[in-house]
Amino acid sequence: MAITSDDLNASHRFAQSHLTNDGAESLRDLVDLWETVNSAPQLHAQNVAAIQAAIRDMENGDTGRPATKILEEMRAELAARRDQ
C-alpha cells in the first residue's frame, strides 16, 4: 500500500509529540515505536496469539527464561543496530 500525505502527517505528529513528551534516542527508535503503535490488524492478531500461547505455556509449567538474560540479549541487539 502506498504512503499517503495523511500517513506522513500522522507519523510526523506522532514523532513530534513523542519527542516533546518522552524523548527518543534515535529516529529508528521513533520509527519502531510508530510501527508498533500502528501495526496492521494481521500483525496485531499474530502478537495476541503469541501472547496467548505464552500464557498457556506458563500455565502448563514453562517458567521461561530469566528477564535479566533477555534484557542482555535485547541490549546487545539494539547496540548492534545503532552501530550499523
N, C-alpha and C. Protein backbone atom coordinates (compact mmCIF):
# COMPACT_ATOMS: atom_id res chain seq x y z
N MET A 1 0.84 -1.17 0.00
CA MET A 1 0.00 0.00 0.00
C MET A 1 0.89 1.24 0.00
N ALA A 2 0.58 2.18 -0.83
CA ALA A 2 1.37 3.41 -0.95
C ALA A 2 1.12 4.32 0.25
N ILE A 3 2.16 5.04 0.62
CA ILE A 3 2.06 6.00 1.72
C ILE A 3 1.37 7.26 1.19
N THR A 4 0.46 7.77 2.00
CA THR A 4 -0.26 8.99 1.62
C THR A 4 0.28 10.18 2.41
N SER A 5 -0.12 11.36 2.00
CA SER A 5 0.23 12.57 2.75
C SER A 5 -0.32 12.52 4.17
N ASP A 6 -1.51 11.94 4.31
CA ASP A 6 -2.11 11.79 5.64
C ASP A 6 -1.24 10.90 6.52
N ASP A 7 -0.71 9.81 5.94
CA ASP A 7 0.18 8.91 6.69
C ASP A 7 1.43 9.67 7.16
N LEU A 8 2.01 10.42 6.26
CA LEU A 8 3.21 11.17 6.59
C LEU A 8 2.94 12.21 7.66
N ASN A 9 1.83 12.92 7.54
CA ASN A 9 1.46 13.92 8.55
C ASN A 9 1.19 13.28 9.90
N ALA A 10 0.52 12.14 9.90
CA ALA A 10 0.23 11.45 11.16
C ALA A 10 1.52 10.98 11.82
N SER A 11 2.44 10.45 11.03
CA SER A 11 3.70 9.99 11.62
C SER A 11 4.52 11.16 12.14
N HIS A 12 4.46 12.29 11.45
CA HIS A 12 5.17 13.49 11.92
C HIS A 12 4.59 13.97 13.25
N ARG A 13 3.26 14.03 13.34
CA ARG A 13 2.62 14.45 14.60
C ARG A 13 2.98 13.49 15.74
N PHE A 14 2.98 12.20 15.44
CA PHE A 14 3.34 11.20 16.43
C PHE A 14 4.77 11.42 16.92
N ALA A 15 5.70 11.58 15.98
CA ALA A 15 7.11 11.77 16.35
C ALA A 15 7.30 13.05 17.14
N GLN A 16 6.68 14.12 16.70
CA GLN A 16 6.82 15.41 17.40
C GLN A 16 6.27 15.32 18.82
N SER A 17 5.12 14.69 18.97
CA SER A 17 4.52 14.53 20.29
C SER A 17 5.42 13.67 21.18
N HIS A 18 5.93 12.59 20.63
CA HIS A 18 6.78 11.70 21.42
C HIS A 18 8.07 12.41 21.83
N LEU A 19 8.66 13.16 20.93
CA LEU A 19 9.89 13.90 21.27
C LEU A 19 9.62 14.92 22.37
N THR A 20 8.50 15.61 22.27
CA THR A 20 8.15 16.63 23.25
C THR A 20 7.90 16.02 24.63
N ASN A 21 7.19 14.89 24.66
CA ASN A 21 6.78 14.30 25.93
C ASN A 21 7.77 13.28 26.51
N ASP A 22 8.39 12.49 25.66
CA ASP A 22 9.19 11.37 26.15
C ASP A 22 10.64 11.37 25.67
N GLY A 23 10.92 12.05 24.58
CA GLY A 23 12.26 11.99 24.01
C GLY A 23 12.45 10.70 23.23
N ALA A 24 13.58 10.60 22.58
CA ALA A 24 13.93 9.39 21.82
C ALA A 24 15.43 9.37 21.62
N GLU A 25 15.96 8.17 21.56
CA GLU A 25 17.40 8.01 21.35
C GLU A 25 17.78 8.19 19.88
N SER A 26 16.85 7.81 19.00
CA SER A 26 17.17 7.88 17.57
C SER A 26 15.90 7.92 16.74
N LEU A 27 16.06 8.27 15.49
CA LEU A 27 14.94 8.23 14.55
C LEU A 27 14.45 6.80 14.39
N ARG A 28 15.37 5.84 14.40
CA ARG A 28 15.00 4.43 14.29
C ARG A 28 14.06 4.03 15.43
N ASP A 29 14.37 4.52 16.66
CA ASP A 29 13.51 4.22 17.80
C ASP A 29 12.10 4.76 17.56
N LEU A 30 12.01 5.97 17.02
CA LEU A 30 10.69 6.55 16.74
C LEU A 30 9.94 5.75 15.68
N VAL A 31 10.65 5.33 14.65
CA VAL A 31 10.02 4.55 13.58
C VAL A 31 9.53 3.21 14.14
N ASP A 32 10.38 2.55 14.95
CA ASP A 32 9.97 1.28 15.55
C ASP A 32 8.73 1.45 16.42
N LEU A 33 8.72 2.52 17.22
CA LEU A 33 7.57 2.77 18.08
C LEU A 33 6.33 3.06 17.24
N TRP A 34 6.47 3.86 16.20
CA TRP A 34 5.35 4.17 15.30
C TRP A 34 4.79 2.88 14.70
N GLU A 35 5.69 2.01 14.23
CA GLU A 35 5.23 0.77 13.62
C GLU A 35 4.54 -0.13 14.63
N THR A 36 5.01 -0.12 15.87
CA THR A 36 4.38 -0.92 16.91
C THR A 36 2.98 -0.39 17.22
N VAL A 37 2.88 0.90 17.40
CA VAL A 37 1.60 1.52 17.76
C VAL A 37 0.60 1.43 16.61
N ASN A 38 1.09 1.48 15.39
CA ASN A 38 0.22 1.49 14.21
C ASN A 38 0.35 0.22 13.38
N SER A 39 0.51 -0.91 14.04
CA SER A 39 0.69 -2.16 13.32
C SER A 39 -0.60 -2.57 12.60
N ALA A 40 -0.42 -3.34 11.57
CA ALA A 40 -1.55 -3.84 10.79
C ALA A 40 -2.38 -4.79 11.64
N PRO A 41 -3.67 -4.88 11.39
CA PRO A 41 -4.52 -5.79 12.17
C PRO A 41 -4.02 -7.23 12.17
N GLN A 42 -3.45 -7.69 11.04
CA GLN A 42 -2.95 -9.06 10.97
C GLN A 42 -1.77 -9.24 11.94
N LEU A 43 -0.87 -8.26 12.00
CA LEU A 43 0.25 -8.34 12.92
C LEU A 43 -0.23 -8.31 14.36
N HIS A 44 -1.22 -7.47 14.63
CA HIS A 44 -1.79 -7.41 15.97
C HIS A 44 -2.36 -8.77 16.36
N ALA A 45 -3.07 -9.39 15.46
CA ALA A 45 -3.66 -10.70 15.73
C ALA A 45 -2.57 -11.74 15.98
N GLN A 46 -1.48 -11.68 15.24
CA GLN A 46 -0.37 -12.61 15.46
C GLN A 46 0.26 -12.39 16.83
N ASN A 47 0.43 -11.13 17.21
CA ASN A 47 1.00 -10.83 18.51
C ASN A 47 0.11 -11.32 19.64
N VAL A 48 -1.20 -11.12 19.51
CA VAL A 48 -2.14 -11.59 20.53
C VAL A 48 -2.08 -13.11 20.63
N ALA A 49 -2.02 -13.80 19.49
CA ALA A 49 -1.94 -15.26 19.50
C ALA A 49 -0.65 -15.73 20.18
N ALA A 50 0.45 -15.05 19.93
CA ALA A 50 1.73 -15.42 20.55
C ALA A 50 1.68 -15.22 22.07
N ILE A 51 1.06 -14.13 22.50
CA ILE A 51 0.94 -13.88 23.94
C ILE A 51 0.04 -14.94 24.59
N GLN A 52 -1.05 -15.27 23.93
CA GLN A 52 -1.94 -16.30 24.46
C GLN A 52 -1.22 -17.65 24.56
N ALA A 53 -0.40 -17.97 23.57
CA ALA A 53 0.35 -19.23 23.60
C ALA A 53 1.36 -19.21 24.75
N ALA A 54 1.99 -18.07 24.98
CA ALA A 54 2.95 -17.96 26.08
C ALA A 54 2.25 -18.12 27.43
N ILE A 55 1.06 -17.57 27.56
CA ILE A 55 0.30 -17.72 28.80
C ILE A 55 -0.06 -19.19 29.03
N ARG A 56 -0.48 -19.88 27.96
CA ARG A 56 -0.80 -21.31 28.09
C ARG A 56 0.45 -22.09 28.52
N ASP A 57 1.60 -21.76 27.93
CA ASP A 57 2.85 -22.42 28.31
C ASP A 57 3.14 -22.22 29.79
N MET A 58 2.96 -20.99 30.27
CA MET A 58 3.20 -20.70 31.68
C MET A 58 2.23 -21.49 32.57
N GLU A 59 1.00 -21.55 32.15
CA GLU A 59 0.01 -22.30 32.92
C GLU A 59 0.34 -23.80 32.98
N ASN A 60 1.09 -24.27 31.97
CA ASN A 60 1.49 -25.68 31.92
C ASN A 60 2.89 -25.91 32.51
N GLY A 61 3.41 -24.90 33.22
CA GLY A 61 4.66 -25.09 33.96
C GLY A 61 5.92 -24.54 33.32
N ASP A 62 5.85 -24.01 32.12
CA ASP A 62 7.04 -23.43 31.49
C ASP A 62 7.38 -22.12 32.20
N THR A 63 8.55 -22.07 32.80
CA THR A 63 8.94 -20.87 33.55
C THR A 63 9.66 -19.85 32.68
N GLY A 64 9.92 -20.19 31.44
CA GLY A 64 10.58 -19.23 30.55
C GLY A 64 12.04 -19.02 30.87
N ARG A 65 12.56 -17.86 30.49
CA ARG A 65 13.95 -17.52 30.74
C ARG A 65 14.01 -16.34 31.68
N PRO A 66 15.11 -16.20 32.40
CA PRO A 66 15.24 -15.05 33.31
C PRO A 66 15.20 -13.73 32.54
N ALA A 67 14.50 -12.77 33.09
CA ALA A 67 14.38 -11.46 32.44
C ALA A 67 15.74 -10.82 32.23
N THR A 68 16.67 -11.02 33.17
CA THR A 68 18.00 -10.41 33.02
C THR A 68 18.69 -10.92 31.77
N LYS A 69 18.53 -12.18 31.45
CA LYS A 69 19.15 -12.76 30.24
C LYS A 69 18.51 -12.16 28.99
N ILE A 70 17.21 -12.04 28.99
CA ILE A 70 16.50 -11.47 27.83
C ILE A 70 16.90 -10.02 27.64
N LEU A 71 16.99 -9.25 28.72
CA LEU A 71 17.38 -7.85 28.62
C LEU A 71 18.80 -7.70 28.10
N GLU A 72 19.71 -8.58 28.51
CA GLU A 72 21.08 -8.55 27.98
C GLU A 72 21.08 -8.76 26.47
N GLU A 73 20.30 -9.73 26.02
CA GLU A 73 20.21 -10.01 24.59
C GLU A 73 19.62 -8.83 23.82
N MET A 74 18.59 -8.21 24.39
CA MET A 74 17.96 -7.06 23.73
C MET A 74 18.93 -5.88 23.66
N ARG A 75 19.68 -5.64 24.73
CA ARG A 75 20.66 -4.55 24.71
C ARG A 75 21.70 -4.79 23.64
N ALA A 76 22.18 -6.02 23.54
CA ALA A 76 23.19 -6.34 22.53
C ALA A 76 22.63 -6.13 21.12
N GLU A 77 21.39 -6.56 20.91
CA GLU A 77 20.77 -6.40 19.59
C GLU A 77 20.59 -4.91 19.25
N LEU A 78 20.12 -4.13 20.22
CA LEU A 78 19.94 -2.69 19.97
C LEU A 78 21.27 -2.00 19.72
N ALA A 79 22.29 -2.38 20.45
CA ALA A 79 23.62 -1.80 20.24
C ALA A 79 24.12 -2.12 18.84
N ALA A 80 23.89 -3.33 18.39
CA ALA A 80 24.31 -3.72 17.04
C ALA A 80 23.57 -2.91 15.99
N ARG A 81 22.28 -2.66 16.21
CA ARG A 81 21.50 -1.84 15.25
C ARG A 81 22.05 -0.42 15.19
N ARG A 82 22.38 0.13 16.35
CA ARG A 82 22.88 1.52 16.39
C ARG A 82 24.22 1.65 15.70
N ASP A 83 25.02 0.56 15.75
CA ASP A 83 26.35 0.60 15.16
C ASP A 83 26.33 0.41 13.65
N GLN A 84 25.18 0.08 13.10
CA GLN A 84 25.08 -0.15 11.64
C GLN A 84 25.17 1.14 10.88
